[in-house]
Protein backbone atom coordinates (compact mmCIF):
# COMPACT_ATOMS: atom_id res chain seq x y z
CA MET A 1 -18.82 4.10 3.92
CA ILE A 2 -21.26 3.62 0.97
CA LEU A 3 -19.67 1.12 -1.25
CA LEU A 4 -16.05 -1.06 -0.90
CA ASN A 5 -14.56 -2.89 -4.13
CA HIS A 6 -13.64 -6.28 -3.99
CA SER A 7 -10.30 -5.16 -4.63
CA ALA A 8 -10.15 -2.57 -1.58
CA LEU A 9 -11.67 -5.64 0.79
CA GLN A 10 -8.56 -7.08 -0.26
CA VAL A 11 -6.10 -4.82 0.86
CA PHE A 12 -7.09 -4.01 4.14
CA ASN A 13 -7.97 -7.64 5.10
CA LEU A 14 -11.75 -7.19 5.67
CA ASP A 15 -14.73 -10.21 4.81
CA GLU A 16 -15.69 -10.47 1.54
CA GLN A 17 -19.34 -12.01 3.06
CA HIS A 18 -19.62 -8.69 5.16
CA HIS A 19 -22.12 -5.11 3.88
CA TYR A 20 -19.73 -2.55 5.17
CA ALA A 21 -22.68 -0.02 3.85
CA GLY A 22 -23.54 2.52 6.86
CA GLU A 23 -20.13 2.22 8.56
CA PRO A 24 -17.40 4.19 9.50
CA LEU A 25 -14.43 4.25 7.72
CA ALA A 26 -12.32 4.27 11.13
CA ALA A 27 -14.10 0.50 12.80
CA LEU A 28 -12.73 -0.49 9.03
CA ILE A 29 -9.64 0.61 8.95
CA PRO A 30 -8.64 1.29 12.66
CA GLN A 31 -4.52 1.71 11.99
CA SER A 32 -3.90 2.07 9.13
CA PRO A 33 -1.85 4.39 7.31
CA LEU A 34 -3.77 4.96 4.96
CA LEU A 35 -7.21 6.83 7.58
CA ASP A 36 -4.00 8.47 9.51
CA TRP A 37 -3.85 10.33 5.75
CA LEU A 38 -7.08 11.16 5.65
CA ASN A 39 -6.94 12.70 8.94
CA THR A 40 -4.29 14.64 8.20
CA ARG A 41 -4.75 15.54 5.23
CA HIS A 42 -8.82 16.47 5.15
CA THR A 43 -9.73 20.25 6.07
CA PRO A 44 -12.90 21.47 5.10
CA SER A 45 -9.99 24.25 3.53
CA ALA A 46 -8.19 21.94 1.75
CA ALA A 47 -8.29 21.37 -2.23
CA LYS A 48 -11.44 19.17 -4.20
CA GLU A 49 -8.21 16.64 -5.08
CA LYS A 50 -5.74 15.20 -2.80
CA ASP A 51 -3.75 11.89 -4.00
CA ALA A 52 -0.14 10.73 -2.30
CA ALA A 53 1.40 7.52 -2.04
CA LEU A 54 1.48 5.28 0.51
CA ARG A 55 2.87 2.09 2.08
CA LEU A 56 0.27 -0.21 3.88
CA PRO A 57 1.26 -2.70 6.14
CA ASN A 58 0.36 -6.25 3.59
CA GLY A 59 3.65 -4.22 2.14
CA ARG A 60 2.17 -2.88 -1.24
CA VAL A 61 2.28 0.64 -2.25
CA TYR A 62 -0.02 2.09 -3.42
CA THR A 63 -1.22 5.72 -5.01
CA VAL A 64 -4.27 7.68 -3.12
CA ILE A 65 -6.34 9.59 -5.02
CA MET A 66 -8.96 11.08 -2.65
CA THR A 67 -11.67 13.26 -4.83
CA GLU A 68 -14.74 15.25 -2.71
CA HIS A 69 -17.98 14.70 -4.04
CA ALA A 70 -20.55 17.53 -2.58
CA ASP A 71 -23.82 15.26 -2.85
CA ILE A 72 -22.01 11.90 -1.28
CA GLY A 73 -19.06 12.51 0.71
CA HIS A 74 -15.51 11.84 -0.37
CA MET A 75 -14.12 8.54 -3.27
CA ILE A 76 -11.32 7.15 -2.24
CA VAL A 77 -8.92 4.89 -5.58
CA LEU A 78 -6.01 3.00 -4.00
CA GLN A 79 -3.51 2.55 -6.97
CA ASP A 80 -1.11 -0.47 -6.58
CA ILE A 81 2.69 1.01 -7.78
CA THR A 82 4.66 -1.47 -5.87
CA TYR A 83 5.72 -2.46 -9.14
CA PHE A 84 7.09 0.93 -10.14
CA LYS A 85 8.36 2.13 -6.52
CA GLU A 86 10.64 -1.42 -6.62
CA MET A 87 11.90 -0.65 -10.22
CA ASP A 88 12.52 2.44 -9.18
CA GLN A 89 14.69 1.38 -6.91
CA LEU A 90 16.85 -1.41 -8.66
CA LYS A 91 17.44 1.53 -11.52
CA SER A 92 18.72 3.44 -8.70
CA GLU A 93 21.11 0.68 -7.06
CA LEU A 94 21.95 -0.22 -10.59
CA VAL A 95 22.97 3.43 -12.23
CA THR A 96 25.01 3.02 -8.43
CA THR A 97 26.64 0.52 -9.07
CA VAL A 98 27.30 1.47 -12.95
CA THR A 99 28.88 4.33 -11.39
CA HIS A 100 31.41 2.59 -8.69
CA ASP A 101 32.33 -0.26 -11.62
CA LEU A 102 32.98 2.63 -14.27
CA LYS A 103 35.01 5.17 -11.70
CA GLN A 104 37.96 2.82 -10.63
CA PRO A 105 39.15 1.87 -14.43
CA LEU A 106 39.07 5.69 -15.41
CA SER A 107 40.91 6.99 -12.54
CA ILE A 108 43.55 4.12 -13.17
CA MET A 109 43.34 5.03 -17.20
CA ARG A 110 43.87 8.61 -15.95
CA GLY A 111 46.64 8.00 -13.76
CA TYR A 112 48.79 5.74 -16.05
CA LEU A 113 48.69 8.44 -18.82
CA ASP A 114 49.54 10.87 -16.11
CA LEU A 115 52.86 8.89 -15.26
CA MET A 116 53.82 8.89 -19.08
CA HIS A 117 53.21 12.47 -19.28
CA MET A 118 55.58 13.58 -15.96
CA SER A 119 58.30 10.83 -18.22
CA GLY A 120 59.24 13.18 -20.30
CA THR A 121 60.58 10.89 -22.44
CA LEU A 122 58.03 10.72 -25.12
CA ASP A 123 58.10 12.15 -28.50
CA GLU A 124 55.70 13.77 -30.47
CA LYS A 125 53.80 11.29 -31.72
CA ALA A 126 53.53 9.59 -28.66
CA LYS A 127 52.28 12.94 -27.19
CA ARG A 128 49.66 13.13 -29.89
CA TYR A 129 48.61 9.93 -28.94
CA ILE A 130 48.27 10.70 -25.47
CA ASN A 131 46.59 13.68 -25.65
CA ASN A 132 43.62 12.01 -28.12
CA ILE A 133 43.77 9.55 -25.71
CA GLU A 134 42.79 12.01 -22.96
CA HIS A 135 40.58 14.02 -24.90
CA SER A 136 38.09 11.27 -25.06
CA PHE A 137 37.61 10.97 -21.54
CA PRO A 138 34.67 11.85 -19.56
CA TYR A 139 35.15 15.90 -18.87
CA ASP A 140 35.68 14.58 -15.34
CA ALA A 141 36.64 10.75 -15.03
CA SER A 142 35.82 10.79 -11.25
CA VAL A 143 32.00 10.19 -12.49
CA ASP A 144 30.14 11.41 -9.30
């Protein structure tokens, strides 16, 4: 280890008063998913730059960018993307909920239109109105 900034010390819950220069990373974060990621992703023939998203024990999600520097080793940058992951999850849940909530009323309306057609008691004007309503529905009212 050559350098850890203040944020890295906080992320890995390391003592801010201690100087970590020269210590192996494995000794600093022995059970970290970051260390596991580095051990499985780093090979001499690997690309110069790699990135990934990892959830660390603090519960937060980080984008990890590792860049190789010939003279000094590797530089690893962590960017906290927890907020974006949470927003993406909320968006997915919202879309699922809205889709489900729209599906039922549209199916019911489609069913009533079919019943009206089957009744056989509609005049031409009513048939035209129903046809206009049917054409205003989405192609597939089931909205999956």
